[in-house]
N, C-alpha and C. Protein backbone atom coordinates (compact mmCIF):
# COMPACT_ATOMS: atom_id res chain seq x y z
N MET A 1 14.46 14.51 53.06
CA MET A 1 13.61 14.31 51.78
C MET A 1 13.87 15.45 50.90
N THR A 2 14.08 15.18 49.65
CA THR A 2 14.24 16.22 48.74
C THR A 2 12.97 16.56 47.95
N GLY A 3 11.94 15.78 48.06
CA GLY A 3 10.69 16.08 47.34
C GLY A 3 10.54 15.30 46.02
N ARG A 4 11.67 14.59 45.64
CA ARG A 4 11.46 13.86 44.35
C ARG A 4 11.05 12.46 44.62
N HIS A 5 10.23 12.09 43.72
CA HIS A 5 9.60 10.67 43.83
C HIS A 5 10.69 9.70 43.29
N ARG A 6 10.48 8.46 43.62
CA ARG A 6 11.55 7.50 43.25
C ARG A 6 11.55 7.27 41.65
N GLY A 7 10.46 7.49 41.02
CA GLY A 7 10.60 7.33 39.52
C GLY A 7 11.06 8.42 38.74
N GLN A 8 11.37 9.53 39.28
CA GLN A 8 11.67 10.78 38.65
C GLN A 8 13.19 10.96 38.60
N VAL A 9 13.86 10.00 37.90
CA VAL A 9 15.39 10.21 37.79
C VAL A 9 15.63 10.94 36.45
N ARG A 10 16.42 11.96 36.65
CA ARG A 10 16.74 12.77 35.41
C ARG A 10 17.84 12.04 34.58
N ASP A 11 17.52 11.60 33.40
CA ASP A 11 18.42 10.96 32.57
C ASP A 11 18.63 11.77 31.34
N PRO A 12 19.59 12.60 31.18
CA PRO A 12 19.74 13.33 29.99
C PRO A 12 20.03 12.70 28.68
N ILE A 13 20.69 11.57 28.77
CA ILE A 13 20.94 10.79 27.62
C ILE A 13 19.64 10.19 27.00
N ALA A 14 18.74 9.79 27.90
CA ALA A 14 17.47 9.23 27.33
C ALA A 14 16.72 10.37 26.73
N THR A 15 16.71 11.52 27.18
CA THR A 15 16.13 12.64 26.73
C THR A 15 16.60 13.00 25.34
N VAL A 16 17.91 12.99 25.21
CA VAL A 16 18.50 13.29 23.94
C VAL A 16 18.20 12.29 22.86
N LEU A 17 18.25 10.92 23.31
CA LEU A 17 17.87 9.84 22.40
C LEU A 17 16.55 9.96 21.92
N GLN A 18 15.57 10.38 22.79
CA GLN A 18 14.26 10.53 22.47
C GLN A 18 14.07 11.63 21.41
N VAL A 19 14.75 12.77 21.67
CA VAL A 19 14.66 13.90 20.64
C VAL A 19 15.20 13.35 19.32
N VAL A 20 16.27 12.65 19.26
CA VAL A 20 16.86 12.20 18.06
C VAL A 20 15.90 11.28 17.31
N TRP A 21 15.41 10.43 18.13
CA TRP A 21 14.41 9.34 17.55
C TRP A 21 13.25 10.10 16.91
N MET A 22 12.61 11.04 17.66
CA MET A 22 11.41 11.70 17.09
C MET A 22 11.82 12.52 15.93
N SER A 23 13.00 13.32 15.90
CA SER A 23 13.42 13.97 14.70
C SER A 23 13.71 13.14 13.52
N GLY A 24 14.14 11.96 13.68
CA GLY A 24 14.39 10.96 12.66
C GLY A 24 13.04 10.62 12.00
N HIS A 25 12.03 10.32 12.80
CA HIS A 25 10.68 10.02 12.25
C HIS A 25 10.10 11.22 11.51
N ILE A 26 10.33 12.36 11.93
CA ILE A 26 9.77 13.55 11.29
C ILE A 26 10.54 13.75 9.98
N VAL A 27 11.85 13.53 9.93
CA VAL A 27 12.58 13.62 8.77
C VAL A 27 12.16 12.53 7.64
N VAL A 28 11.93 11.38 8.14
CA VAL A 28 11.61 10.33 7.29
C VAL A 28 10.24 10.55 6.68
N LEU A 29 9.34 11.07 7.43
CA LEU A 29 7.95 11.27 7.00
C LEU A 29 8.02 12.51 5.90
N GLY A 30 8.88 13.42 6.11
CA GLY A 30 8.98 14.59 5.20
C GLY A 30 9.58 14.06 3.90
N LEU A 31 10.57 13.12 4.02
CA LEU A 31 11.19 12.65 2.75
C LEU A 31 10.25 11.72 1.99
N LEU A 32 9.48 10.97 2.76
CA LEU A 32 8.43 10.16 2.02
C LEU A 32 7.39 11.02 1.39
N GLY A 33 6.96 12.02 2.06
CA GLY A 33 5.95 12.94 1.42
C GLY A 33 6.62 13.65 0.13
N ALA A 34 7.78 14.06 0.18
CA ALA A 34 8.47 14.62 -0.94
C ALA A 34 8.56 13.71 -2.14
N VAL A 35 8.95 12.43 -1.76
CA VAL A 35 9.02 11.37 -2.79
C VAL A 35 7.77 11.06 -3.50
N ALA A 36 6.66 10.97 -2.66
CA ALA A 36 5.34 10.71 -3.15
C ALA A 36 4.87 11.90 -3.95
N ASP A 37 5.11 12.99 -3.54
CA ASP A 37 4.66 14.29 -4.31
C ASP A 37 5.45 14.29 -5.64
N HIS A 38 6.74 14.00 -5.63
CA HIS A 38 7.48 14.01 -6.94
C HIS A 38 6.87 12.87 -7.88
N GLN A 39 6.65 11.71 -7.39
CA GLN A 39 6.00 10.67 -8.20
C GLN A 39 4.67 10.97 -8.74
N LEU A 40 3.86 11.61 -7.94
CA LEU A 40 2.49 11.83 -8.37
C LEU A 40 2.36 13.07 -9.26
N THR A 41 3.23 14.05 -9.11
CA THR A 41 3.11 15.26 -9.88
C THR A 41 3.90 15.29 -11.15
N GLY A 42 4.75 14.26 -11.26
CA GLY A 42 5.72 14.30 -12.48
C GLY A 42 5.08 13.83 -13.67
N ASP A 43 5.31 14.27 -14.81
CA ASP A 43 4.82 13.79 -16.08
C ASP A 43 5.80 13.14 -16.93
N PRO A 44 5.85 11.86 -16.85
CA PRO A 44 7.04 11.13 -17.45
C PRO A 44 6.81 10.94 -19.06
N LEU A 45 5.55 11.17 -19.56
CA LEU A 45 5.36 10.92 -20.97
C LEU A 45 6.13 11.69 -21.94
N PRO A 46 6.36 12.91 -21.70
CA PRO A 46 7.31 13.64 -22.68
C PRO A 46 8.70 13.10 -22.68
N GLU A 47 9.16 12.66 -21.62
CA GLU A 47 10.57 12.07 -21.56
C GLU A 47 10.55 10.72 -22.21
N ILE A 48 9.58 9.91 -22.02
CA ILE A 48 9.51 8.71 -22.59
C ILE A 48 9.32 8.80 -24.15
N ALA A 49 8.59 9.76 -24.62
CA ALA A 49 8.42 10.02 -26.10
C ALA A 49 9.78 10.45 -26.76
N ALA A 50 10.49 11.30 -25.94
CA ALA A 50 11.72 11.81 -26.39
C ALA A 50 12.77 10.62 -26.51
N SER A 51 12.72 9.87 -25.43
CA SER A 51 13.83 8.78 -25.56
C SER A 51 13.54 7.77 -26.59
N ALA A 52 12.16 7.61 -26.82
CA ALA A 52 11.80 6.62 -28.01
C ALA A 52 12.30 7.15 -29.36
N ARG A 53 12.13 8.40 -29.71
CA ARG A 53 12.75 9.00 -30.85
C ARG A 53 14.30 8.85 -30.94
N ASP A 54 14.94 9.02 -29.83
CA ASP A 54 16.34 8.88 -29.89
C ASP A 54 16.84 7.42 -30.01
N ALA A 55 16.00 6.58 -29.66
CA ALA A 55 16.38 5.19 -29.64
C ALA A 55 16.14 4.47 -30.98
N ALA A 56 15.57 5.17 -31.86
CA ALA A 56 15.37 4.64 -33.30
C ALA A 56 16.66 4.24 -33.93
N SER A 57 16.81 3.12 -34.49
CA SER A 57 18.09 2.67 -35.01
C SER A 57 18.37 3.43 -36.42
N PRO A 58 19.66 3.94 -36.53
CA PRO A 58 19.79 4.59 -37.83
C PRO A 58 20.00 3.57 -38.98
N THR A 59 19.89 4.02 -40.10
CA THR A 59 19.97 3.18 -41.32
C THR A 59 21.51 2.76 -41.48
N PRO A 60 21.70 1.49 -41.68
CA PRO A 60 23.08 1.16 -41.78
C PRO A 60 23.70 1.63 -43.05
N SER A 61 24.97 1.95 -43.11
CA SER A 61 25.74 2.49 -44.22
C SER A 61 26.69 1.44 -44.58
N LEU A 62 26.82 1.17 -45.87
CA LEU A 62 27.77 0.18 -46.47
C LEU A 62 29.11 0.66 -46.79
């Protein structure tokens, strides 16, 4: 007997996949937080006002 129980099979691929899976979740949560922060802290009104002035049609010349 080696002292290992039946359910304790060492599977390095499963461990690597678990780490990749958890890392992916952490990265996605970080990106979602960054996007939400950017959306909530940005002030789009000056950009909208500037683009409205530029969009005014010029007077036609004959």
